[in-house]
């Protein structure tokens, strides 16, 4: 006999989407502040904020949370729309951002990519609630 609790153990957790949105937003803010205030950060001794490991940590956490929440939820709501937004965001963050040659273009690419990832999590959470 199956327990009524068992199916709930395999449900996607909306908190993963909330955490994904928060992580992606923090990543975008970090990248924007770092790009725009690099000289100031170095002058006040906060240049470590711009260390490559910080960027990789934000990006890795965003990717991990996206894959976990979107991948698991896809089996439930069967909509590819969140995954498409996530893929566009990753394309902007991983491919377009390094191709940018000015700080302003890099900030715009990061902001657009992060917004797409946030949109993916938001859409995913809305589909799970429906």
N, C-alpha and C. Protein backbone atom coordinates (compact mmCIF):
# COMPACT_ATOMS: atom_id res chain seq x y z
N UNK A 1 0.84 -1.18 0.00
CA UNK A 1 0.00 0.00 0.00
C UNK A 1 0.89 1.25 0.00
N UNK A 2 0.54 2.22 -0.84
CA UNK A 2 1.33 3.44 -0.96
C UNK A 2 0.86 4.48 0.03
N UNK A 3 1.81 5.17 0.55
CA UNK A 3 1.51 6.25 1.49
C UNK A 3 1.17 7.52 0.73
N UNK A 4 0.30 8.33 1.31
CA UNK A 4 -0.06 9.61 0.69
C UNK A 4 1.09 10.61 0.77
N UNK A 5 2.05 10.35 1.62
CA UNK A 5 3.19 11.25 1.78
C UNK A 5 4.25 11.00 0.72
N UNK A 6 4.36 9.78 0.23
CA UNK A 6 5.42 9.42 -0.71
C UNK A 6 5.49 10.31 -1.95
N UNK A 7 4.38 10.62 -2.63
CA UNK A 7 4.50 11.47 -3.82
C UNK A 7 5.04 12.86 -3.50
N UNK A 8 4.80 13.36 -2.33
CA UNK A 8 5.28 14.69 -1.97
C UNK A 8 6.79 14.74 -1.83
N UNK A 9 7.43 13.62 -1.56
CA UNK A 9 8.87 13.59 -1.44
C UNK A 9 9.56 13.87 -2.77
N UNK A 10 8.88 13.60 -3.88
CA UNK A 10 9.48 13.76 -5.19
C UNK A 10 9.02 15.04 -5.88
N UNK A 11 8.28 15.88 -5.20
CA UNK A 11 7.81 17.14 -5.79
C UNK A 11 8.93 18.16 -5.79
N UNK A 12 8.99 18.98 -6.84
CA UNK A 12 9.96 20.07 -6.82
C UNK A 12 9.63 21.03 -5.69
N UNK A 13 10.63 21.56 -5.08
CA UNK A 13 10.42 22.46 -3.96
C UNK A 13 10.46 23.90 -4.43
N UNK A 14 9.39 24.67 -4.20
CA UNK A 14 9.39 26.07 -4.64
C UNK A 14 10.52 26.89 -4.02
N UNK A 15 11.03 26.48 -2.88
CA UNK A 15 12.12 27.25 -2.28
C UNK A 15 13.38 27.20 -3.12
N UNK A 16 13.55 26.15 -3.92
CA UNK A 16 14.70 26.10 -4.82
C UNK A 16 14.62 27.23 -5.85
N UNK A 17 13.42 27.48 -6.34
CA UNK A 17 13.25 28.58 -7.30
C UNK A 17 13.49 29.92 -6.63
N UNK A 18 12.99 30.09 -5.41
CA UNK A 18 13.24 31.36 -4.70
C UNK A 18 14.73 31.55 -4.44
N UNK A 19 15.40 30.49 -4.05
CA UNK A 19 16.84 30.56 -3.82
C UNK A 19 17.59 30.83 -5.13
N UNK A 20 17.13 30.22 -6.21
CA UNK A 20 17.74 30.45 -7.52
C UNK A 20 17.58 31.90 -7.96
N UNK A 21 16.40 32.47 -7.74
CA UNK A 21 16.18 33.88 -8.08
C UNK A 21 17.08 34.79 -7.26
N UNK A 22 17.20 34.50 -5.98
CA UNK A 22 18.04 35.32 -5.10
C UNK A 22 19.51 35.22 -5.50
N UNK A 23 19.97 34.02 -5.81
CA UNK A 23 21.36 33.81 -6.20
C UNK A 23 21.68 34.52 -7.51
N UNK A 24 20.79 34.40 -8.49
CA UNK A 24 21.01 35.05 -9.78
C UNK A 24 20.99 36.57 -9.65
N UNK A 25 20.11 37.08 -8.82
CA UNK A 25 20.05 38.53 -8.60
C UNK A 25 21.33 39.01 -7.91
N UNK A 26 21.77 38.28 -6.89
CA UNK A 26 23.01 38.65 -6.20
C UNK A 26 24.20 38.59 -7.14
N UNK A 27 24.22 37.61 -8.02
CA UNK A 27 25.29 37.49 -9.00
C UNK A 27 25.31 38.70 -9.93
N UNK A 28 24.15 39.11 -10.41
CA UNK A 28 24.07 40.27 -11.30
C UNK A 28 24.51 41.54 -10.60
N UNK A 29 24.07 41.73 -9.37
CA UNK A 29 24.46 42.92 -8.61
C UNK A 29 25.97 42.91 -8.37
N UNK A 30 26.50 41.76 -7.99
CA UNK A 30 27.95 41.64 -7.77
C UNK A 30 28.73 42.01 -9.03
N UNK A 31 28.31 41.45 -10.16
CA UNK A 31 29.04 41.71 -11.41
C UNK A 31 28.93 43.18 -11.82
N UNK A 32 27.76 43.76 -11.66
CA UNK A 32 27.58 45.17 -12.02
C UNK A 32 28.42 46.07 -11.13
N UNK A 33 28.37 45.84 -9.84
CA UNK A 33 29.13 46.67 -8.90
C UNK A 33 30.63 46.49 -9.15
N UNK A 34 31.05 45.27 -9.37
CA UNK A 34 32.47 45.01 -9.61
C UNK A 34 32.95 45.71 -10.88
N UNK A 35 32.19 45.60 -11.94
CA UNK A 35 32.59 46.22 -13.21
C UNK A 35 32.59 47.74 -13.13
N UNK A 36 31.60 48.30 -12.46
CA UNK A 36 31.46 49.75 -12.41
C UNK A 36 32.35 50.41 -11.37
N UNK A 37 32.68 49.69 -10.32
CA UNK A 37 33.43 50.29 -9.22
C UNK A 37 34.79 49.63 -8.96
N UNK A 38 35.38 49.05 -9.98
CA UNK A 38 36.63 48.31 -9.80
C UNK A 38 37.73 49.17 -9.16
N UNK A 39 37.92 50.36 -9.65
CA UNK A 39 38.94 51.23 -9.07
C UNK A 39 38.66 51.59 -7.64
N UNK A 40 37.44 51.90 -7.33
CA UNK A 40 37.06 52.26 -5.97
C UNK A 40 37.23 51.08 -5.03
N UNK A 41 36.83 49.88 -5.47
CA UNK A 41 36.96 48.69 -4.62
C UNK A 41 38.42 48.42 -4.28
N UNK A 42 39.30 48.59 -5.26
CA UNK A 42 40.73 48.36 -5.02
C UNK A 42 41.28 49.41 -4.06
N UNK A 43 40.83 50.65 -4.22
CA UNK A 43 41.34 51.75 -3.38
C UNK A 43 40.97 51.57 -1.92
N UNK A 44 39.82 50.98 -1.65
CA UNK A 44 39.38 50.82 -0.26
C UNK A 44 39.75 49.43 0.29
N UNK A 45 40.50 48.66 -0.49
CA UNK A 45 40.95 47.36 -0.01
C UNK A 45 39.94 46.25 -0.16
N UNK A 46 38.95 46.46 -1.00
CA UNK A 46 37.92 45.43 -1.21
C UNK A 46 38.06 44.78 -2.58
N UNK A 47 39.27 44.80 -3.13
CA UNK A 47 39.50 44.21 -4.44
C UNK A 47 39.26 42.71 -4.48
N UNK A 48 39.30 42.05 -3.34
CA UNK A 48 39.04 40.61 -3.28
C UNK A 48 37.63 40.24 -3.70
N UNK A 49 36.73 41.20 -3.64
CA UNK A 49 35.35 40.97 -4.07
C UNK A 49 35.32 40.62 -5.55
N UNK A 50 36.31 41.11 -6.30
CA UNK A 50 36.38 40.87 -7.74
C UNK A 50 37.18 39.61 -8.08
N UNK A 51 37.54 38.82 -7.09
CA UNK A 51 38.33 37.61 -7.34
C UNK A 51 37.55 36.64 -8.22
N UNK A 52 38.26 35.95 -9.12
CA UNK A 52 37.58 35.01 -10.02
C UNK A 52 36.78 33.92 -9.29
N UNK A 53 37.25 33.50 -8.11
CA UNK A 53 36.52 32.44 -7.39
C UNK A 53 35.15 32.91 -6.94
N UNK A 54 35.00 34.21 -6.66
CA UNK A 54 33.69 34.74 -6.25
C UNK A 54 32.71 34.63 -7.42
N UNK A 55 33.16 35.05 -8.59
CA UNK A 55 32.32 34.97 -9.79
C UNK A 55 31.96 33.52 -10.11
N UNK A 56 32.95 32.64 -10.04
CA UNK A 56 32.69 31.22 -10.33
C UNK A 56 31.72 30.60 -9.31
N UNK A 57 31.82 31.04 -8.07
CA UNK A 57 30.92 30.52 -7.04
C UNK A 57 29.48 30.93 -7.32
N UNK A 58 29.28 32.22 -7.62
CA UNK A 58 27.93 32.69 -7.96
C UNK A 58 27.39 31.96 -9.18
N UNK A 59 28.20 31.87 -10.21
CA UNK A 59 27.76 31.24 -11.45
C UNK A 59 27.48 29.75 -11.24
N UNK A 60 28.37 29.08 -10.52
CA UNK A 60 28.16 27.66 -10.24
C UNK A 60 26.90 27.41 -9.42
N UNK A 61 26.67 28.25 -8.42
CA UNK A 61 25.45 28.10 -7.60
C UNK A 61 24.21 28.35 -8.44
N UNK A 62 24.25 29.35 -9.31
CA UNK A 62 23.10 29.64 -10.18
C UNK A 62 22.81 28.48 -11.12
N UNK A 63 23.86 27.92 -11.69
CA UNK A 63 23.68 26.78 -12.61
C UNK A 63 23.15 25.57 -11.86
N UNK A 64 23.74 25.27 -10.71
CA UNK A 64 23.31 24.12 -9.92
C UNK A 64 21.85 24.25 -9.51
N UNK A 65 21.47 25.39 -8.97
CA UNK A 65 20.08 25.59 -8.55
C UNK A 65 19.13 25.52 -9.74
N UNK A 66 19.53 26.07 -10.87
CA UNK A 66 18.69 26.02 -12.06
C UNK A 66 18.48 24.61 -12.55
N UNK A 67 19.54 23.86 -12.64
CA UNK A 67 19.44 22.48 -13.13
C UNK A 67 18.60 21.64 -12.17
N UNK A 68 18.82 21.80 -10.87
CA UNK A 68 18.05 21.02 -9.89
C UNK A 68 16.57 21.36 -9.93
N UNK A 69 16.24 22.63 -9.83
CA UNK A 69 14.83 23.00 -9.74
C UNK A 69 14.11 22.86 -11.07
N UNK A 70 14.72 23.31 -12.16
CA UNK A 70 14.04 23.24 -13.45
C UNK A 70 13.98 21.82 -13.98
N UNK A 71 15.05 21.09 -13.81
CA UNK A 71 15.06 19.71 -14.29
C UNK A 71 14.04 18.84 -13.59
N UNK A 72 13.95 19.00 -12.28
CA UNK A 72 13.00 18.20 -11.51
C UNK A 72 11.56 18.62 -11.81
N UNK A 73 11.33 19.91 -11.95
CA UNK A 73 9.98 20.41 -12.17
C UNK A 73 9.47 20.10 -13.57
N UNK A 74 10.35 19.96 -14.54
CA UNK A 74 9.94 19.67 -15.91
C UNK A 74 9.11 18.39 -15.99
N UNK A 75 9.46 17.42 -15.19
CA UNK A 75 8.70 16.17 -15.18
C UNK A 75 7.29 16.38 -14.64
N UNK A 76 7.11 17.41 -13.85
CA UNK A 76 5.78 17.64 -13.27
C UNK A 76 4.91 18.52 -14.17
N UNK A 77 5.43 19.66 -14.59
CA UNK A 77 4.57 20.57 -15.36
C UNK A 77 4.73 20.43 -16.87
N UNK A 78 5.74 19.75 -17.34
CA UNK A 78 5.95 19.44 -18.75
C UNK A 78 6.06 20.66 -19.67
N UNK A 79 6.43 21.79 -19.12
CA UNK A 79 6.60 23.00 -19.92
C UNK A 79 8.10 23.26 -20.09
N UNK A 80 8.50 23.48 -21.33
CA UNK A 80 9.90 23.77 -21.62
C UNK A 80 10.22 25.25 -21.50
N UNK A 81 9.22 26.08 -21.27
CA UNK A 81 9.44 27.52 -21.23
C UNK A 81 10.47 27.93 -20.17
N UNK A 82 10.41 27.45 -18.93
CA UNK A 82 11.44 27.83 -17.96
C UNK A 82 12.85 27.40 -18.40
N UNK A 83 12.95 26.21 -18.96
CA UNK A 83 14.26 25.73 -19.41
C UNK A 83 14.80 26.59 -20.55
N UNK A 84 13.92 27.07 -21.42
CA UNK A 84 14.34 27.95 -22.51
C UNK A 84 14.87 29.28 -21.96
N UNK A 85 14.16 29.87 -21.01
CA UNK A 85 14.63 31.12 -20.38
C UNK A 85 15.99 30.89 -19.70
N UNK A 86 16.13 29.75 -19.03
CA UNK A 86 17.37 29.42 -18.36
C UNK A 86 18.51 29.28 -19.37
N UNK A 87 18.25 28.60 -20.48
CA UNK A 87 19.27 28.41 -21.52
C UNK A 87 19.69 29.75 -22.13
N UNK A 88 18.75 30.64 -22.36
CA UNK A 88 19.07 31.96 -22.89
C UNK A 88 19.94 32.72 -21.89
N UNK A 89 19.58 32.65 -20.62
CA UNK A 89 20.36 33.30 -19.58
C UNK A 89 21.78 32.77 -19.51
N UNK A 90 21.93 31.45 -19.57
CA UNK A 90 23.27 30.87 -19.54
C UNK A 90 24.06 31.26 -20.78
N UNK A 91 23.40 31.32 -21.92
CA UNK A 91 24.08 31.75 -23.15
C UNK A 91 24.64 33.16 -22.99
N UNK A 92 23.82 34.04 -22.43
CA UNK A 92 24.28 35.41 -22.21
C UNK A 92 25.42 35.48 -21.19
N UNK A 93 25.33 34.67 -20.15
CA UNK A 93 26.35 34.71 -19.09
C UNK A 93 27.65 34.00 -19.47
N UNK A 94 27.54 32.87 -20.14
CA UNK A 94 28.72 32.06 -20.40
C UNK A 94 29.37 32.30 -21.76
N UNK A 95 28.57 32.74 -22.74
CA UNK A 95 29.10 32.91 -24.08
C UNK A 95 29.23 34.38 -24.45
N UNK A 96 28.16 35.14 -24.25
CA UNK A 96 28.17 36.54 -24.67
C UNK A 96 29.03 37.42 -23.76
N UNK A 97 28.96 37.21 -22.46
CA UNK A 97 29.70 38.06 -21.53
C UNK A 97 31.20 38.08 -21.80
N UNK A 98 31.84 36.92 -22.00
CA UNK A 98 33.27 36.96 -22.28
C UNK A 98 33.61 37.64 -23.62
N UNK A 99 32.65 37.70 -24.54
CA UNK A 99 32.89 38.31 -25.85
C UNK A 99 32.77 39.84 -25.80
N UNK A 100 32.27 40.36 -24.71
CA UNK A 100 32.10 41.81 -24.59
C UNK A 100 33.44 42.46 -24.30
N UNK A 101 33.69 43.60 -24.96
CA UNK A 101 34.99 44.24 -24.84
C UNK A 101 34.97 45.54 -24.05
N UNK A 102 33.79 45.93 -23.56
CA UNK A 102 33.71 47.13 -22.73
C UNK A 102 32.98 46.78 -21.45
N UNK A 103 33.30 47.45 -20.37
CA UNK A 103 32.60 47.17 -19.11
C UNK A 103 31.10 47.37 -19.22
N UNK A 104 30.66 48.38 -19.95
CA UNK A 104 29.22 48.64 -20.07
C UNK A 104 28.52 47.48 -20.79
N UNK A 105 29.12 46.98 -21.87
CA UNK A 105 28.52 45.86 -22.60
C UNK A 105 28.51 44.60 -21.74
N UNK A 106 29.56 44.41 -20.95
CA UNK A 106 29.63 43.25 -20.06
C UNK A 106 28.53 43.32 -19.00
N UNK A 107 28.33 44.49 -18.42
CA UNK A 107 27.29 44.67 -17.40
C UNK A 107 25.92 44.41 -18.01
N UNK A 108 25.68 44.90 -19.22
CA UNK A 108 24.39 44.66 -19.87
C UNK A 108 24.17 43.19 -20.16
N UNK A 109 25.21 42.50 -20.59
CA UNK A 109 25.09 41.07 -20.86
C UNK A 109 24.80 40.28 -19.59
N UNK A 110 25.50 40.64 -18.52
CA UNK A 110 25.29 39.96 -17.24
C UNK A 110 23.89 40.25 -16.70
N UNK A 111 23.46 41.51 -16.80
CA UNK A 111 22.12 41.87 -16.31
C UNK A 111 21.05 41.13 -17.10
N UNK A 112 21.18 41.10 -18.41
CA UNK A 112 20.19 40.41 -19.24
C UNK A 112 20.19 38.91 -18.95
N UNK A 113 21.39 38.32 -18.82
CA UNK A 113 21.48 36.90 -18.52
C UNK A 113 20.87 36.55 -17.17
N UNK A 114 21.19 37.36 -16.16
CA UNK A 114 20.64 37.12 -14.82
C UNK A 114 19.12 37.28 -14.81
N UNK A 115 18.62 38.28 -15.53
CA UNK A 115 17.17 38.47 -15.60
C UNK A 115 16.49 37.27 -16.27
N UNK A 116 17.12 36.71 -17.28
CA UNK A 116 16.55 35.52 -17.92
C UNK A 116 16.53 34.33 -16.96
N UNK A 117 17.59 34.17 -16.17
CA UNK A 117 17.63 33.07 -15.20
C UNK A 117 16.58 33.29 -14.11
N UNK A 118 16.44 34.53 -13.64
CA UNK A 118 15.41 34.85 -12.65
C UNK A 118 14.03 34.57 -13.24
N UNK A 119 13.81 34.97 -14.49
CA UNK A 119 12.53 34.72 -15.17
C UNK A 119 12.25 33.21 -15.27
N UNK A 120 13.29 32.43 -15.53
CA UNK A 120 13.13 30.97 -15.61
C UNK A 120 12.63 30.42 -14.28
N UNK A 121 13.25 30.84 -13.19
CA UNK A 121 12.82 30.36 -11.87
C UNK A 121 11.42 30.86 -11.53
N UNK A 122 11.12 32.11 -11.86
CA UNK A 122 9.80 32.65 -11.57
C UNK A 122 8.72 31.88 -12.34
N UNK A 123 8.96 31.65 -13.64
CA UNK A 123 7.99 30.92 -14.45
C UNK A 123 7.85 29.49 -13.95
N UNK A 124 8.96 28.88 -13.59
CA UNK A 124 8.93 27.52 -13.07
C UNK A 124 8.08 27.43 -11.79
N UNK A 125 8.30 28.38 -10.87
CA UNK A 125 7.53 28.37 -9.62
C UNK A 125 6.04 28.58 -9.91
N UNK A 126 5.71 29.46 -10.85
CA UNK A 126 4.29 29.71 -11.18
C UNK A 126 3.65 28.45 -11.77
N UNK A 127 4.39 27.73 -12.61
CA UNK A 127 3.85 26.49 -13.20
C UNK A 127 3.66 25.41 -12.13
N UNK A 128 4.51 25.39 -11.14
CA UNK A 128 4.38 24.40 -10.07
C UNK A 128 3.19 24.69 -9.17
N UNK A 129 2.90 25.95 -8.99
CA UNK A 129 1.78 26.34 -8.14
C UNK A 129 0.44 26.06 -8.83
N UNK A 130 0.44 26.23 -10.16
CA UNK A 130 -0.82 26.07 -10.93
C UNK A 130 -1.36 24.68 -10.85
